[in-house]
Amino acid sequence: MIYIKEMDKSCFQIYDTIPMNVYVHTIYDVKRIDSGLGGFSFDEVEVEPYIKDLSVYERATEYEANFDIRNWRFYMAFDDEKPIGAMTIAGRTPELNMLSGRDDACILWDIRIIDRYKHQGIGQKLLDMGIQEAKSDGYKQMIIECQNNNVPACKFYHKQGALLSKIDMYAYYHEEACKDEVQFIWYLDLDR
């Protein structure tokens, strides 16, 4: 039986056992039109397949050392007692640049599902629960970051009604392993 449960920080070591693999076989190739004044074009193009493990960038066991997590919520999905998915919603944290000082917005900080459980609606159930709780916490929008090489995530957020609102072609420029990735920031209105 698969179920979802809100957790506290005592779950962080278990949370971190869930990989966050992205199977990349296409990317959104982003091109500026008229140096950006004419907008951007997005073409989904095939690339040499590879796997990107985003969990190397996000470790729940490190959250508290880096942030005030009092206004964060943590969720996990289980198959019986086996952890199969997790999600973090970050809210009301002044030091988070993505919030731009807003206290009416939260961030979908992290969502991950074990590979063999993907495409079974678990991510949707996690997100639905997070949205309901975010609304009850008084948030009006959820801010979501992903990259142009995570096409499945982009399609998932688009399906939720999120609007792609920021594109940063240099967001990861200082990180050699991902300097060519393009940052996408989505905004999801929670009063839907």
C-alpha atoms as a PDB file:
ATOM      1  CA  MET A   1       0.000   0.000   0.000  1.00  0.00           C
ATOM      2  CA  ILE A   2       1.413   3.382  -1.032  1.00  0.00           C
ATOM      3  CA  TYR A   3       0.805   6.329   1.262  1.00  0.00           C
ATOM      4  CA  ILE A   4       2.171   9.831   1.839  1.00  0.00           C
ATOM      5  CA  LYS A   5       2.979  11.305   5.199  1.00  0.00           C
ATOM      6  CA  GLU A   6       4.264  14.629   6.479  1.00  0.00           C
ATOM      7  CA  MET A   7       7.508  14.112   8.347  1.00  0.00           C
ATOM      8  CA  ASP A   8       9.871  16.098  10.545  1.00  0.00           C
ATOM      9  CA  LYS A   9      13.638  16.452  10.501  1.00  0.00           C
ATOM     10  CA  SER A  10      14.082  13.054  12.125  1.00  0.00           C
ATOM     11  CA  CYS A  11      13.420  11.572   8.658  1.00  0.00           C
ATOM     12  CA  PHE A  12      16.370  13.285   6.944  1.00  0.00           C
ATOM     13  CA  GLN A  13      18.727  10.300   6.839  1.00  0.00           C
ATOM     14  CA  ILE A  14      16.010   8.128   5.288  1.00  0.00           C
ATOM     15  CA  TYR A  15      14.996  10.974   2.969  1.00  0.00           C
ATOM     16  CA  ASP A  16      18.559  11.170   1.625  1.00  0.00           C
ATOM     17  CA  THR A  17      18.508   7.478   0.633  1.00  0.00           C
ATOM     18  CA  ILE A  18      16.015   8.289  -2.120  1.00  0.00           C
ATOM     19  CA  PRO A  19      17.874   9.116  -5.330  1.00  0.00           C
ATOM     20  CA  MET A  20      16.865  12.018  -7.540  1.00  0.00           C
ATOM     21  CA  ASN A  21      17.880  10.685 -10.939  1.00  0.00           C
ATOM     22  CA  VAL A  22      17.039  12.531 -14.125  1.00  0.00           C
ATOM     23  CA  TYR A  23      17.308  10.426 -17.268  1.00  0.00           C
ATOM     24  CA  VAL A  24      18.320  12.941 -19.894  1.00  0.00           C
ATOM     25  CA  HIS A  25      17.752  12.035 -23.530  1.00  0.00           C
ATOM     26  CA  THR A  26      16.370  15.404 -24.636  1.00  0.00           C
ATOM     27  CA  ILE A  27      16.895  18.978 -23.501  1.00  0.00           C
ATOM     28  CA  TYR A  28      15.195  22.265 -24.188  1.00  0.00           C
ATOM     29  CA  ASP A  29      17.603  24.134 -26.434  1.00  0.00           C
ATOM     30  CA  VAL A  30      17.002  27.773 -25.524  1.00  0.00           C
ATOM     31  CA  LYS A  31      17.896  30.420 -28.097  1.00  0.00           C
ATOM     32  CA  ARG A  32      17.533  34.173 -27.895  1.00  0.00           C
ATOM     33  CA  ILE A  33      15.590  35.860 -30.670  1.00  0.00           C
ATOM     34  CA  ASP A  34      17.005  39.273 -31.593  1.00  0.00           C
ATOM     35  CA  SER A  35      19.419  39.169 -28.616  1.00  0.00           C
ATOM     36  CA  GLY A  36      16.486  38.378 -26.352  1.00  0.00           C
ATOM     37  CA  LEU A  37      14.346  41.395 -27.305  1.00  0.00           C
ATOM     38  CA  GLY A  38      12.280  39.137 -29.555  1.00  0.00           C
ATOM     39  CA  GLY A  39      11.896  36.538 -26.833  1.00  0.00           C
ATOM     40  CA  PHE A  40      13.267  33.034 -26.722  1.00  0.00           C
ATOM     41  CA  SER A  41      12.734  29.856 -28.673  1.00  0.00           C
ATOM     42  CA  PHE A  42      12.561  26.464 -27.005  1.00  0.00           C
ATOM     43  CA  ASP A  43      13.235  23.368 -29.033  1.00  0.00           C
ATOM     44  CA  GLU A  44      13.234  19.919 -27.480  1.00  0.00           C
ATOM     45  CA  VAL A  45      16.282  18.254 -29.010  1.00  0.00           C
ATOM     46  CA  GLU A  46      17.768  14.816 -28.572  1.00  0.00           C
ATOM     47  CA  VAL A  47      21.137  14.511 -26.838  1.00  0.00           C
ATOM     48  CA  GLU A  48      23.460  11.645 -26.013  1.00  0.00           C
ATOM     49  CA  PRO A  49      21.608   9.967 -23.098  1.00  0.00           C
ATOM     50  CA  TYR A  50      22.983  10.364 -19.592  1.00  0.00           C
ATOM     51  CA  ILE A  51      21.802  10.233 -15.995  1.00  0.00           C
ATOM     52  CA  LYS A  52      22.076  13.250 -13.711  1.00  0.00           C
ATOM     53  CA  ASP A  53      21.755  12.567  -9.991  1.00  0.00           C
ATOM     54  CA  LEU A  54      20.404  15.774  -8.465  1.00  0.00           C
ATOM     55  CA  SER A  55      20.607  14.326  -4.946  1.00  0.00           C
ATOM     56  CA  VAL A  56      24.322  15.220  -4.897  1.00  0.00           C
ATOM     57  CA  TYR A  57      23.182  18.860  -4.766  1.00  0.00           C
ATOM     58  CA  GLU A  58      20.381  18.404  -2.229  1.00  0.00           C
ATOM     59  CA  ARG A  59      20.953  16.591   1.063  1.00  0.00           C
ATOM     60  CA  ALA A  60      18.198  16.952   3.624  1.00  0.00           C
ATOM     61  CA  THR A  61      20.732  16.187   6.363  1.00  0.00           C
ATOM     62  CA  GLU A  62      22.444  19.490   5.440  1.00  0.00           C
ATOM     63  CA  TYR A  63      19.334  21.706   5.380  1.00  0.00           C
ATOM     64  CA  GLU A  64      19.502  22.799   8.996  1.00  0.00           C
ATOM     65  CA  ALA A  65      23.203  23.678   8.805  1.00  0.00           C
ATOM     66  CA  ASN A  66      22.480  26.051   5.912  1.00  0.00           C
ATOM     67  CA  PHE A  67      18.999  27.421   6.562  1.00  0.00           C
ATOM     68  CA  ASP A  68      16.405  28.220   9.188  1.00  0.00           C
ATOM     69  CA  ILE A  69      13.979  25.383   8.397  1.00  0.00           C
ATOM     70  CA  ARG A  70      11.284  26.209  10.951  1.00  0.00           C
ATOM     71  CA  ASN A  71       8.861  27.110   8.137  1.00  0.00           C
ATOM     72  CA  TRP A  72       9.725  24.160   5.906  1.00  0.00           C
ATOM     73  CA  ARG A  73       7.585  21.068   5.425  1.00  0.00           C
ATOM     74  CA  PHE A  74       8.818  17.588   4.568  1.00  0.00           C
ATOM     75  CA  TYR A  75       6.821  14.778   3.025  1.00  0.00           C
ATOM     76  CA  MET A  76       7.630  11.181   2.235  1.00  0.00           C
ATOM     77  CA  ALA A  77       5.905   8.497   0.205  1.00  0.00           C
ATOM     78  CA  PHE A  78       6.064   4.901   1.356  1.00  0.00           C
ATOM     79  CA  ASP A  79       5.218   1.515  -0.112  1.00  0.00           C
ATOM     80  CA  ASP A  80       4.249  -0.230   3.118  1.00  0.00           C
ATOM     81  CA  GLU A  81       7.313   0.776   5.174  1.00  0.00           C
ATOM     82  CA  LYS A  82       9.733   1.289   2.262  1.00  0.00           C
ATOM     83  CA  PRO A  83      10.520   4.972   1.475  1.00  0.00           C
ATOM     84  CA  ILE A  84       9.926   5.575  -2.242  1.00  0.00           C
ATOM     85  CA  GLY A  85       9.564   9.351  -2.587  1.00  0.00           C
ATOM     86  CA  ALA A  86      10.128  12.643  -0.807  1.00  0.00           C
ATOM     87  CA  MET A  87       9.451  16.347  -1.138  1.00  0.00           C
ATOM     88  CA  THR A  88      10.451  19.538   0.660  1.00  0.00           C
ATOM     89  CA  ILE A  89       8.503  22.797   0.593  1.00  0.00           C
ATOM     90  CA  ALA A  90      10.507  25.794   1.855  1.00  0.00           C
ATOM     91  CA  GLY A  91       8.595  28.769   3.144  1.00  0.00           C
ATOM     92  CA  ARG A  92       9.183  32.067   4.928  1.00  0.00           C
ATOM     93  CA  THR A  93      12.966  31.905   4.977  1.00  0.00           C
ATOM     94  CA  PRO A  94      14.412  35.416   4.569  1.00  0.00           C
ATOM     95  CA  GLU A  95      17.826  34.184   3.434  1.00  0.00           C
ATOM     96  CA  LEU A  96      16.406  32.340   0.407  1.00  0.00           C
ATOM     97  CA  ASN A  97      17.082  34.489  -2.648  1.00  0.00           C
ATOM     98  CA  MET A  98      14.389  32.727  -4.670  1.00  0.00           C
ATOM     99  CA  LEU A  99      11.737  34.157  -2.349  1.00  0.00           C
ATOM    100  CA  SER A 100      12.882  37.742  -3.022  1.00  0.00           C
ATOM    101  CA  GLY A 101      11.762  38.715   0.481  1.00  0.00           C
ATOM    102  CA  ARG A 102       8.203  37.479  -0.102  1.00  0.00           C
ATOM    103  CA  ASP A 103       6.308  35.849   2.728  1.00  0.00           C
ATOM    104  CA  ASP A 104       3.315  34.906   0.563  1.00  0.00           C
ATOM    105  CA  ALA A 105       5.306  32.430  -1.559  1.00  0.00           C
ATOM    106  CA  CYS A 106       6.977  29.104  -0.885  1.00  0.00           C
ATOM    107  CA  ILE A 107       9.476  27.055  -2.858  1.00  0.00           C
ATOM    108  CA  LEU A 108       9.201  23.504  -4.091  1.00  0.00           C
ATOM    109  CA  TRP A 109      12.721  22.838  -2.876  1.00  0.00           C
ATOM    110  CA  ASP A 110      13.029  19.188  -3.735  1.00  0.00           C
ATOM    111  CA  ILE A 111      10.896  16.356  -5.073  1.00  0.00           C
ATOM    112  CA  ARG A 112      12.216  12.866  -5.754  1.00  0.00           C
ATOM    113  CA  ILE A 113      10.862   9.413  -6.533  1.00  0.00           C
ATOM    114  CA  ILE A 114      12.736   6.105  -6.670  1.00  0.00           C
ATOM    115  CA  ASP A 115      13.164   5.127 -10.328  1.00  0.00           C
ATOM    116  CA  ARG A 116      10.956   2.037 -10.355  1.00  0.00           C
ATOM    117  CA  TYR A 117       8.075   4.029  -8.826  1.00  0.00           C
ATOM    118  CA  LYS A 118       8.157   6.884 -11.335  1.00  0.00           C
ATOM    119  CA  HIS A 119       5.162   7.453 -13.661  1.00  0.00           C
ATOM    120  CA  GLN A 120       2.721   6.004 -11.127  1.00  0.00           C
ATOM    121  CA  GLY A 121       1.272   9.290  -9.856  1.00  0.00           C
ATOM    122  CA  ILE A 122       3.350   9.439  -6.668  1.00  0.00           C
ATOM    123  CA  GLY A 123       4.942  12.784  -7.552  1.00  0.00           C
ATOM    124  CA  GLN A 124       1.473  14.158  -8.243  1.00  0.00           C
ATOM    125  CA  LYS A 125       0.203  12.932  -4.868  1.00  0.00           C
ATOM    126  CA  LEU A 126       3.196  14.463  -3.084  1.00  0.00           C
ATOM    127  CA  LEU A 127       2.734  17.784  -4.884  1.00  0.00           C
ATOM    128  CA  ASP A 128      -1.019  17.827  -4.266  1.00  0.00           C
ATOM    129  CA  MET A 129      -0.438  17.333  -0.539  1.00  0.00           C
ATOM    130  CA  GLY A 130       2.255  20.032  -0.516  1.00  0.00           C
ATOM    131  CA  ILE A 131      -0.035  22.468  -2.334  1.00  0.00           C
ATOM    132  CA  GLN A 132      -2.879  21.871   0.123  1.00  0.00           C
ATOM    133  CA  GLU A 133      -0.583  22.454   3.099  1.00  0.00           C
ATOM    134  CA  ALA A 134       0.994  25.520   1.443  1.00  0.00           C
ATOM    135  CA  LYS A 135      -2.462  27.008   0.960  1.00  0.00           C
ATOM    136  CA  SER A 136      -3.316  26.340   4.601  1.00  0.00           C
ATOM    137  CA  ASP A 137      -0.060  28.089   5.563  1.00  0.00           C
ATOM    138  CA  GLY A 138      -1.262  31.178   3.670  1.00  0.00           C
ATOM    139  CA  TYR A 139       0.988  30.945   0.601  1.00  0.00           C
ATOM    140  CA  LYS A 140      -0.341  32.331  -2.677  1.00  0.00           C
ATOM    141  CA  GLN A 141       2.373  31.019  -5.011  1.00  0.00           C
ATOM    142  CA  MET A 142       4.851  28.191  -5.227  1.00  0.00           C
ATOM    143  CA  ILE A 143       8.191  28.905  -6.885  1.00  0.00           C
ATOM    144  CA  ILE A 144       9.881  26.018  -8.653  1.00  0.00           C
ATOM    145  CA  GLU A 145      13.387  25.752 -10.091  1.00  0.00           C
ATOM    146  CA  CYS A 146      14.486  23.237 -12.688  1.00  0.00           C
ATOM    147  CA  GLN A 147      16.867  23.083 -15.607  1.00  0.00           C
ATOM    148  CA  ASN A 148      16.529  22.761 -19.363  1.00  0.00           C
ATOM    149  CA  ASN A 149      17.901  19.210 -19.198  1.00  0.00           C
ATOM    150  CA  ASN A 150      15.074  18.049 -16.926  1.00  0.00           C
ATOM    151  CA  VAL A 151      12.401  17.928 -19.609  1.00  0.00           C
ATOM    152  CA  PRO A 152      10.116  15.548 -17.651  1.00  0.00           C
ATOM    153  CA  ALA A 153      10.037  17.992 -14.721  1.00  0.00           C
ATOM    154  CA  CYS A 154       9.328  20.930 -17.045  1.00  0.00           C
ATOM    155  CA  LYS A 155       6.410  19.044 -18.585  1.00  0.00           C
ATOM    156  CA  PHE A 156       5.139  18.050 -15.124  1.00  0.00           C
ATOM    157  CA  TYR A 157       5.175  21.651 -13.839  1.00  0.00           C
ATOM    158  CA  HIS A 158       3.573  22.912 -17.045  1.00  0.00           C
ATOM    159  CA  LYS A 159       0.813  20.308 -16.617  1.00  0.00           C
ATOM    160  CA  GLN A 160       0.186  21.665 -13.098  1.00  0.00           C
ATOM    161  CA  GLY A 161      -0.489  25.110 -14.547  1.00  0.00           C
ATOM    162  CA  ALA A 162       2.856  26.622 -13.527  1.00  0.00           C
ATOM    163  CA  LEU A 163       4.106  29.508 -15.660  1.00  0.00           C
ATOM    164  CA  LEU A 164       7.711  29.669 -16.798  1.00  0.00           C
ATOM    165  CA  SER A 165       8.643  33.155 -15.654  1.00  0.00           C
ATOM    166  CA  LYS A 166      12.426  33.392 -15.472  1.00  0.00           C
ATOM    167  CA  ILE A 167      15.180  32.036 -17.679  1.00  0.00           C
ATOM    168  CA  ASP A 168      18.795  32.377 -16.575  1.00  0.00           C
ATOM    169  CA  MET A 169      21.328  31.104 -19.074  1.00  0.00           C
ATOM    170  CA  TYR A 170      24.224  31.824 -16.686  1.00  0.00           C
ATOM    171  CA  ALA A 171      22.807  30.654 -13.333  1.00  0.00           C
ATOM    172  CA  TYR A 172      25.225  27.726 -13.069  1.00  0.00           C
ATOM    173  CA  TYR A 173      28.117  29.249 -14.973  1.00  0.00           C
ATOM    174  CA  HIS A 174      30.451  29.008 -11.967  1.00  0.00           C
ATOM    175  CA  GLU A 175      29.829  25.239 -11.641  1.00  0.00           C
ATOM    176  CA  GLU A 176      31.925  23.416 -14.229  1.00  0.00           C
ATOM    177  CA  ALA A 177      29.777  20.253 -14.300  1.00  0.00           C
ATOM    178  CA  CYS A 178      26.589  22.137 -15.145  1.00  0.00           C
ATOM    179  CA  LYS A 179      27.689  25.500 -16.523  1.00  0.00           C
ATOM    180  CA  ASP A 180      25.845  24.914 -19.813  1.00  0.00           C
ATOM    181  CA  GLU A 181      22.497  24.222 -18.137  1.00  0.00           C
ATOM    182  CA  VAL A 182      19.772  26.854 -18.263  1.00  0.00           C
ATOM    183  CA  GLN A 183      17.824  27.663 -15.119  1.00  0.00           C
ATOM    184  CA  PHE A 184      14.046  27.791 -15.416  1.00  0.00           C
ATOM    185  CA  ILE A 185      11.968  29.359 -12.634  1.00  0.00           C
ATOM    186  CA  TRP A 186       8.280  28.493 -12.634  1.00  0.00           C
ATOM    187  CA  TYR A 187       5.490  30.144 -10.633  1.00  0.00           C
ATOM    188  CA  LEU A 188       2.435  28.129  -9.643  1.00  0.00           C
ATOM    189  CA  ASP A 189      -0.579  30.082  -8.398  1.00  0.00           C
ATOM    190  CA  LEU A 190      -2.025  28.188  -5.439  1.00  0.00           C
ATOM    191  CA  ASP A 191      -5.532  29.665  -5.633  1.00  0.00           C
ATOM    192  CA  ARG A 192      -6.362  27.407  -8.557  1.00  0.00           C
END
